[in-house]
């Protein structure tokens, strides 16, 4: 399951890179939408960082909790983006939401497994 989790983190990272590229190509620098779009780029990389930290520091429950909450929020925001543009199945939001949902499932399964081991 560890390789799957790293792969999902990689999917989110590539999604963040794509989001950054789209922001730089689509919006004039300094505009409101440009800044908000960069905020989303920062947030997805914060989720990537927290999830990577969670995998490397497995005994730190605070990091695990922070990664779980941040990932859940990103999943909901990605779904909210799809709803806002009128296409919940738009791949731009769906990739982020799907990878986040899968990470949430693997995070919760890992936490459950760790508790059962002691």
N, C-alpha and C. Protein backbone atom coordinates (compact mmCIF):
# COMPACT_ATOMS: atom_id res chain seq x y z
N UNK A 1 0.82 -1.19 0.00
CA UNK A 1 0.00 0.00 0.00
C UNK A 1 0.87 1.26 0.00
N UNK A 2 2.07 1.15 0.49
CA UNK A 2 2.97 2.30 0.54
C UNK A 2 3.26 2.84 -0.86
N UNK A 3 3.52 1.96 -1.81
CA UNK A 3 3.79 2.40 -3.19
C UNK A 3 2.57 3.09 -3.79
N UNK A 4 1.40 2.58 -3.50
CA UNK A 4 0.16 3.19 -3.99
C UNK A 4 0.03 4.61 -3.43
N UNK A 5 0.30 4.77 -2.14
CA UNK A 5 0.20 6.09 -1.52
C UNK A 5 1.19 7.07 -2.13
N UNK A 6 2.43 6.64 -2.34
CA UNK A 6 3.41 7.51 -2.98
C UNK A 6 2.97 7.86 -4.40
N UNK A 7 2.39 6.89 -5.09
CA UNK A 7 1.89 7.15 -6.45
C UNK A 7 0.77 8.18 -6.45
N UNK A 8 -0.13 8.08 -5.49
CA UNK A 8 -1.23 9.05 -5.40
C UNK A 8 -0.71 10.45 -5.05
N UNK A 9 0.28 10.51 -4.20
CA UNK A 9 0.92 11.79 -3.89
C UNK A 9 1.54 12.36 -5.16
N UNK A 10 2.14 11.49 -5.95
CA UNK A 10 2.72 11.92 -7.23
C UNK A 10 1.66 12.46 -8.19
N UNK A 11 0.50 11.81 -8.23
CA UNK A 11 -0.59 12.29 -9.08
C UNK A 11 -1.00 13.70 -8.64
N UNK A 12 -1.13 13.91 -7.34
CA UNK A 12 -1.48 15.25 -6.85
C UNK A 12 -0.38 16.27 -7.19
N UNK A 13 0.87 15.86 -7.07
CA UNK A 13 1.98 16.77 -7.40
C UNK A 13 1.94 17.14 -8.89
N UNK A 14 1.72 16.17 -9.76
CA UNK A 14 1.62 16.47 -11.19
C UNK A 14 0.40 17.35 -11.46
N UNK A 15 -0.69 17.10 -10.74
CA UNK A 15 -1.86 17.97 -10.87
C UNK A 15 -1.54 19.40 -10.46
N UNK A 16 -0.76 19.54 -9.40
CA UNK A 16 -0.34 20.88 -8.96
C UNK A 16 0.54 21.57 -9.98
N UNK A 17 1.43 20.81 -10.61
CA UNK A 17 2.28 21.38 -11.65
C UNK A 17 1.42 21.81 -12.84
N UNK A 18 0.45 20.97 -13.19
CA UNK A 18 -0.47 21.33 -14.28
C UNK A 18 -1.28 22.58 -13.94
N UNK A 19 -1.71 22.67 -12.69
CA UNK A 19 -2.46 23.83 -12.24
C UNK A 19 -1.60 25.09 -12.33
N UNK A 20 -0.34 24.97 -11.92
CA UNK A 20 0.58 26.10 -12.00
C UNK A 20 0.78 26.53 -13.46
N UNK A 21 0.99 25.56 -14.34
CA UNK A 21 1.18 25.87 -15.76
C UNK A 21 -0.07 26.55 -16.32
N UNK A 22 -1.23 26.02 -15.98
CA UNK A 22 -2.48 26.62 -16.45
C UNK A 22 -2.66 28.03 -15.93
N UNK A 23 -2.29 28.25 -14.69
CA UNK A 23 -2.39 29.59 -14.11
C UNK A 23 -1.50 30.57 -14.85
N UNK A 24 -0.26 30.16 -15.08
CA UNK A 24 0.71 31.05 -15.74
C UNK A 24 0.32 31.33 -17.19
N UNK A 25 -0.31 30.37 -17.85
CA UNK A 25 -0.68 30.55 -19.26
C UNK A 25 -2.04 31.21 -19.45
N UNK A 26 -2.91 31.12 -18.46
CA UNK A 26 -4.30 31.54 -18.67
C UNK A 26 -4.67 32.90 -18.09
N UNK A 27 -3.96 33.33 -17.07
CA UNK A 27 -4.39 34.54 -16.37
C UNK A 27 -3.29 35.60 -16.38
N UNK A 28 -3.67 36.84 -16.54
CA UNK A 28 -2.67 37.91 -16.47
C UNK A 28 -2.11 38.04 -15.05
N UNK A 29 -0.79 38.09 -14.92
CA UNK A 29 -0.18 38.24 -13.59
C UNK A 29 -0.72 39.47 -12.87
N UNK A 30 -0.93 39.30 -11.57
CA UNK A 30 -1.39 40.40 -10.74
C UNK A 30 -2.89 40.55 -10.65
N UNK A 31 -3.62 39.77 -11.47
CA UNK A 31 -5.08 39.87 -11.39
C UNK A 31 -5.59 39.03 -10.23
N UNK A 32 -6.82 39.30 -9.85
CA UNK A 32 -7.42 38.59 -8.72
C UNK A 32 -7.47 37.08 -8.97
N UNK A 33 -7.90 36.67 -10.15
CA UNK A 33 -8.02 35.24 -10.45
C UNK A 33 -6.64 34.57 -10.51
N UNK A 34 -5.63 35.30 -10.96
CA UNK A 34 -4.26 34.78 -10.99
C UNK A 34 -3.79 34.47 -9.57
N UNK A 35 -4.03 35.41 -8.65
CA UNK A 35 -3.60 35.22 -7.26
C UNK A 35 -4.37 34.07 -6.62
N UNK A 36 -5.68 34.01 -6.84
CA UNK A 36 -6.47 32.92 -6.26
C UNK A 36 -6.06 31.57 -6.84
N UNK A 37 -5.75 31.55 -8.11
CA UNK A 37 -5.32 30.30 -8.72
C UNK A 37 -3.97 29.85 -8.15
N UNK A 38 -3.08 30.80 -7.92
CA UNK A 38 -1.80 30.45 -7.27
C UNK A 38 -2.01 29.96 -5.85
N UNK A 39 -3.03 30.48 -5.18
CA UNK A 39 -3.37 30.01 -3.84
C UNK A 39 -3.72 28.53 -3.87
N UNK A 40 -4.49 28.12 -4.88
CA UNK A 40 -4.85 26.71 -5.01
C UNK A 40 -3.61 25.87 -5.30
N UNK A 41 -2.68 26.39 -6.08
CA UNK A 41 -1.42 25.67 -6.35
C UNK A 41 -0.67 25.46 -5.04
N UNK A 42 -0.57 26.52 -4.25
CA UNK A 42 0.10 26.40 -2.95
C UNK A 42 -0.59 25.34 -2.09
N UNK A 43 -1.90 25.38 -2.06
CA UNK A 43 -2.63 24.46 -1.20
C UNK A 43 -2.39 23.00 -1.61
N UNK A 44 -2.44 22.72 -2.89
CA UNK A 44 -2.23 21.32 -3.31
C UNK A 44 -0.82 20.87 -2.95
N UNK A 45 0.17 21.76 -3.05
CA UNK A 45 1.52 21.36 -2.67
C UNK A 45 1.67 21.24 -1.15
N UNK A 46 0.87 21.97 -0.39
CA UNK A 46 0.84 21.76 1.06
C UNK A 46 0.28 20.37 1.38
N UNK A 47 -0.75 19.96 0.65
CA UNK A 47 -1.31 18.62 0.84
C UNK A 47 -0.27 17.56 0.47
N UNK A 48 0.42 17.76 -0.66
CA UNK A 48 1.47 16.83 -1.09
C UNK A 48 2.54 16.72 0.01
N UNK A 49 2.98 17.86 0.54
CA UNK A 49 3.99 17.87 1.58
C UNK A 49 3.51 17.14 2.83
N UNK A 50 2.30 17.45 3.28
CA UNK A 50 1.77 16.81 4.49
C UNK A 50 1.62 15.30 4.30
N UNK A 51 1.17 14.88 3.14
CA UNK A 51 1.02 13.45 2.90
C UNK A 51 2.38 12.76 2.86
N UNK A 52 3.37 13.40 2.23
CA UNK A 52 4.72 12.82 2.21
C UNK A 52 5.30 12.76 3.62
N UNK A 53 5.07 13.79 4.39
CA UNK A 53 5.52 13.80 5.78
C UNK A 53 4.84 12.70 6.59
N UNK A 54 3.55 12.51 6.33
CA UNK A 54 2.80 11.45 7.02
C UNK A 54 3.42 10.08 6.74
N UNK A 55 3.84 9.85 5.50
CA UNK A 55 4.42 8.55 5.16
C UNK A 55 5.81 8.35 5.75
N UNK A 56 6.54 9.44 5.95
CA UNK A 56 7.90 9.31 6.48
C UNK A 56 7.96 9.41 8.01
N UNK A 57 6.90 9.91 8.62
CA UNK A 57 6.85 10.02 10.09
C UNK A 57 5.56 9.38 10.58
N UNK A 58 5.50 8.08 10.43
CA UNK A 58 4.27 7.33 10.67
C UNK A 58 3.75 7.40 12.10
N UNK A 59 4.60 7.65 13.05
CA UNK A 59 4.17 7.65 14.45
C UNK A 59 3.67 9.02 14.94
N UNK A 60 3.69 10.00 14.07
CA UNK A 60 3.27 11.34 14.46
C UNK A 60 1.79 11.52 14.12
N UNK A 61 0.94 11.41 15.12
CA UNK A 61 -0.52 11.48 14.89
C UNK A 61 -0.98 12.86 14.46
N UNK A 62 -0.28 13.91 14.92
CA UNK A 62 -0.66 15.26 14.52
C UNK A 62 -0.46 15.47 13.03
N UNK A 63 0.65 14.97 12.51
CA UNK A 63 0.89 15.08 11.07
C UNK A 63 -0.16 14.28 10.32
N UNK A 64 -0.46 13.10 10.81
CA UNK A 64 -1.49 12.28 10.17
C UNK A 64 -2.85 12.97 10.17
N UNK A 65 -3.19 13.59 11.29
CA UNK A 65 -4.47 14.30 11.37
C UNK A 65 -4.48 15.50 10.43
N UNK A 66 -3.39 16.25 10.41
CA UNK A 66 -3.31 17.42 9.52
C UNK A 66 -3.38 17.02 8.05
N UNK A 67 -2.69 15.95 7.70
CA UNK A 67 -2.72 15.47 6.32
C UNK A 67 -4.12 15.01 5.93
N UNK A 68 -4.80 14.35 6.85
CA UNK A 68 -6.15 13.86 6.58
C UNK A 68 -7.12 15.01 6.37
N UNK A 69 -7.09 15.99 7.25
CA UNK A 69 -8.00 17.13 7.15
C UNK A 69 -7.71 17.94 5.88
N UNK A 70 -6.44 18.21 5.62
CA UNK A 70 -6.07 18.99 4.44
C UNK A 70 -6.46 18.27 3.15
N UNK A 71 -6.29 16.96 3.12
CA UNK A 71 -6.63 16.19 1.93
C UNK A 71 -8.14 16.15 1.72
N UNK A 72 -8.89 16.00 2.79
CA UNK A 72 -10.35 16.02 2.69
C UNK A 72 -10.83 17.37 2.18
N UNK A 73 -10.24 18.45 2.70
CA UNK A 73 -10.63 19.79 2.25
C UNK A 73 -10.31 19.97 0.77
N UNK A 74 -9.14 19.49 0.34
CA UNK A 74 -8.77 19.63 -1.08
C UNK A 74 -9.72 18.83 -1.97
N UNK A 75 -10.13 17.66 -1.53
CA UNK A 75 -11.08 16.86 -2.30
C UNK A 75 -12.39 17.63 -2.47
N UNK A 76 -12.88 18.22 -1.39
CA UNK A 76 -14.13 18.97 -1.45
C UNK A 76 -13.98 20.23 -2.32
N UNK A 77 -12.85 20.89 -2.22
CA UNK A 77 -12.61 22.06 -3.06
C UNK A 77 -12.55 21.69 -4.54
N UNK A 78 -11.91 20.56 -4.85
CA UNK A 78 -11.84 20.10 -6.24
C UNK A 78 -13.23 19.78 -6.78
N UNK A 79 -14.04 19.13 -5.96
CA UNK A 79 -15.42 18.85 -6.36
C UNK A 79 -16.21 20.16 -6.50
N UNK A 80 -15.95 21.11 -5.61
CA UNK A 80 -16.59 22.42 -5.68
C UNK A 80 -16.22 23.17 -6.95
N UNK A 81 -14.99 23.00 -7.40
CA UNK A 81 -14.58 23.61 -8.67
C UNK A 81 -15.42 23.05 -9.81
N UNK A 82 -15.56 21.73 -9.84
CA UNK A 82 -16.38 21.11 -10.88
C UNK A 82 -17.81 21.62 -10.85
N UNK A 83 -18.36 21.74 -9.66
CA UNK A 83 -19.73 22.24 -9.52
C UNK A 83 -19.81 23.71 -9.98
N UNK A 84 -18.79 24.49 -9.65
CA UNK A 84 -18.80 25.91 -9.99
C UNK A 84 -18.75 26.14 -11.50
N UNK A 85 -18.06 25.26 -12.21
CA UNK A 85 -17.99 25.43 -13.68
C UNK A 85 -19.11 24.68 -14.38
N UNK A 86 -19.95 23.99 -13.61
CA UNK A 86 -21.09 23.30 -14.19
C UNK A 86 -20.78 21.94 -14.77
N UNK A 87 -19.61 21.39 -14.43
CA UNK A 87 -19.23 20.06 -14.94
C UNK A 87 -18.44 19.32 -13.87
N UNK A 88 -19.14 18.59 -13.03
CA UNK A 88 -18.51 17.87 -11.92
C UNK A 88 -17.52 16.82 -12.43
N UNK A 89 -17.67 16.40 -13.70
CA UNK A 89 -16.79 15.39 -14.28
C UNK A 89 -15.62 15.99 -15.07
N UNK A 90 -15.44 17.30 -14.99
CA UNK A 90 -14.32 17.94 -15.67
C UNK A 90 -13.02 17.34 -15.12
N UNK A 91 -12.13 16.88 -16.02
CA UNK A 91 -10.91 16.20 -15.54
C UNK A 91 -10.01 17.06 -14.65
N UNK A 92 -10.06 18.36 -14.81
CA UNK A 92 -9.20 19.23 -13.98
C UNK A 92 -9.52 19.09 -12.50
N UNK A 93 -10.78 19.03 -12.17
CA UNK A 93 -11.17 18.85 -10.77
C UNK A 93 -11.25 17.39 -10.37
N UNK A 94 -11.67 16.57 -11.32
CA UNK A 94 -11.87 15.15 -11.02
C UNK A 94 -10.58 14.43 -10.67
N UNK A 95 -9.48 14.76 -11.34
CA UNK A 95 -8.19 14.13 -11.02
C UNK A 95 -7.78 14.46 -9.59
N UNK A 96 -7.91 15.73 -9.22
CA UNK A 96 -7.56 16.14 -7.86
C UNK A 96 -8.48 15.49 -6.84
N UNK A 97 -9.77 15.49 -7.12
CA UNK A 97 -10.74 14.90 -6.18
C UNK A 97 -10.53 13.39 -6.06
N UNK A 98 -10.31 12.72 -7.17
CA UNK A 98 -10.11 11.27 -7.15
C UNK A 98 -8.85 10.86 -6.42
N UNK A 99 -7.74 11.54 -6.73
CA UNK A 99 -6.48 11.22 -6.03
C UNK A 99 -6.61 11.52 -4.54
N UNK A 100 -7.27 12.62 -4.21
CA UNK A 100 -7.46 12.96 -2.79
C UNK A 100 -8.34 11.94 -2.09
N UNK A 101 -9.41 11.51 -2.74
CA UNK A 101 -10.29 10.50 -2.14
C UNK A 101 -9.54 9.20 -1.91
N UNK A 102 -8.76 8.79 -2.89
CA UNK A 102 -7.98 7.55 -2.74
C UNK A 102 -6.95 7.70 -1.63
N UNK A 103 -6.32 8.87 -1.53
CA UNK A 103 -5.37 9.10 -0.43
C UNK A 103 -6.07 9.07 0.92
N UNK A 104 -7.26 9.62 0.98
CA UNK A 104 -8.02 9.57 2.24
C UNK A 104 -8.29 8.13 2.64
N UNK A 105 -8.71 7.32 1.69
CA UNK A 105 -9.00 5.91 1.99
C UNK A 105 -7.74 5.21 2.47
N UNK A 106 -6.62 5.39 1.76
CA UNK A 106 -5.39 4.71 2.17
C UNK A 106 -4.87 5.25 3.49
N UNK A 107 -5.07 6.54 3.74
CA UNK A 107 -4.66 7.14 5.02
C UNK A 107 -5.44 6.51 6.16
N UNK A 108 -6.75 6.42 6.00
CA UNK A 108 -7.58 5.85 7.06
C UNK A 108 -7.30 4.36 7.24
N UNK A 109 -7.07 3.64 6.16
CA UNK A 109 -6.74 2.22 6.28
C UNK A 109 -5.39 2.04 6.97
N UNK A 110 -4.42 2.88 6.66
CA UNK A 110 -3.11 2.80 7.32
C UNK A 110 -3.22 3.11 8.80
N UNK A 111 -4.00 4.11 9.14
CA UNK A 111 -4.18 4.47 10.56
C UNK A 111 -4.88 3.34 11.31
N UNK A 112 -5.87 2.74 10.69
CA UNK A 112 -6.59 1.63 11.30
C UNK A 112 -5.67 0.43 11.50
N UNK A 113 -4.85 0.17 10.50
CA UNK A 113 -3.90 -0.94 10.58
C UNK A 113 -2.87 -0.71 11.68
N UNK A 114 -2.39 0.53 11.80
CA UNK A 114 -1.40 0.86 12.84
C UNK A 114 -2.00 0.71 14.24
N UNK A 115 -3.26 1.12 14.39
CA UNK A 115 -3.92 0.96 15.70
C UNK A 115 -4.12 -0.50 16.08
N UNK A 116 -4.44 -1.32 15.08
CA UNK A 116 -4.68 -2.73 15.38
C UNK A 116 -3.40 -3.47 15.73
N UNK A 117 -2.26 -2.93 15.27
CA UNK A 117 -0.97 -3.56 15.59
C UNK A 117 -0.44 -3.15 16.96
N UNK A 118 -0.99 -2.10 17.47
CA UNK A 118 -0.55 -1.77 18.82
C UNK A 118 -0.12 -0.41 18.98
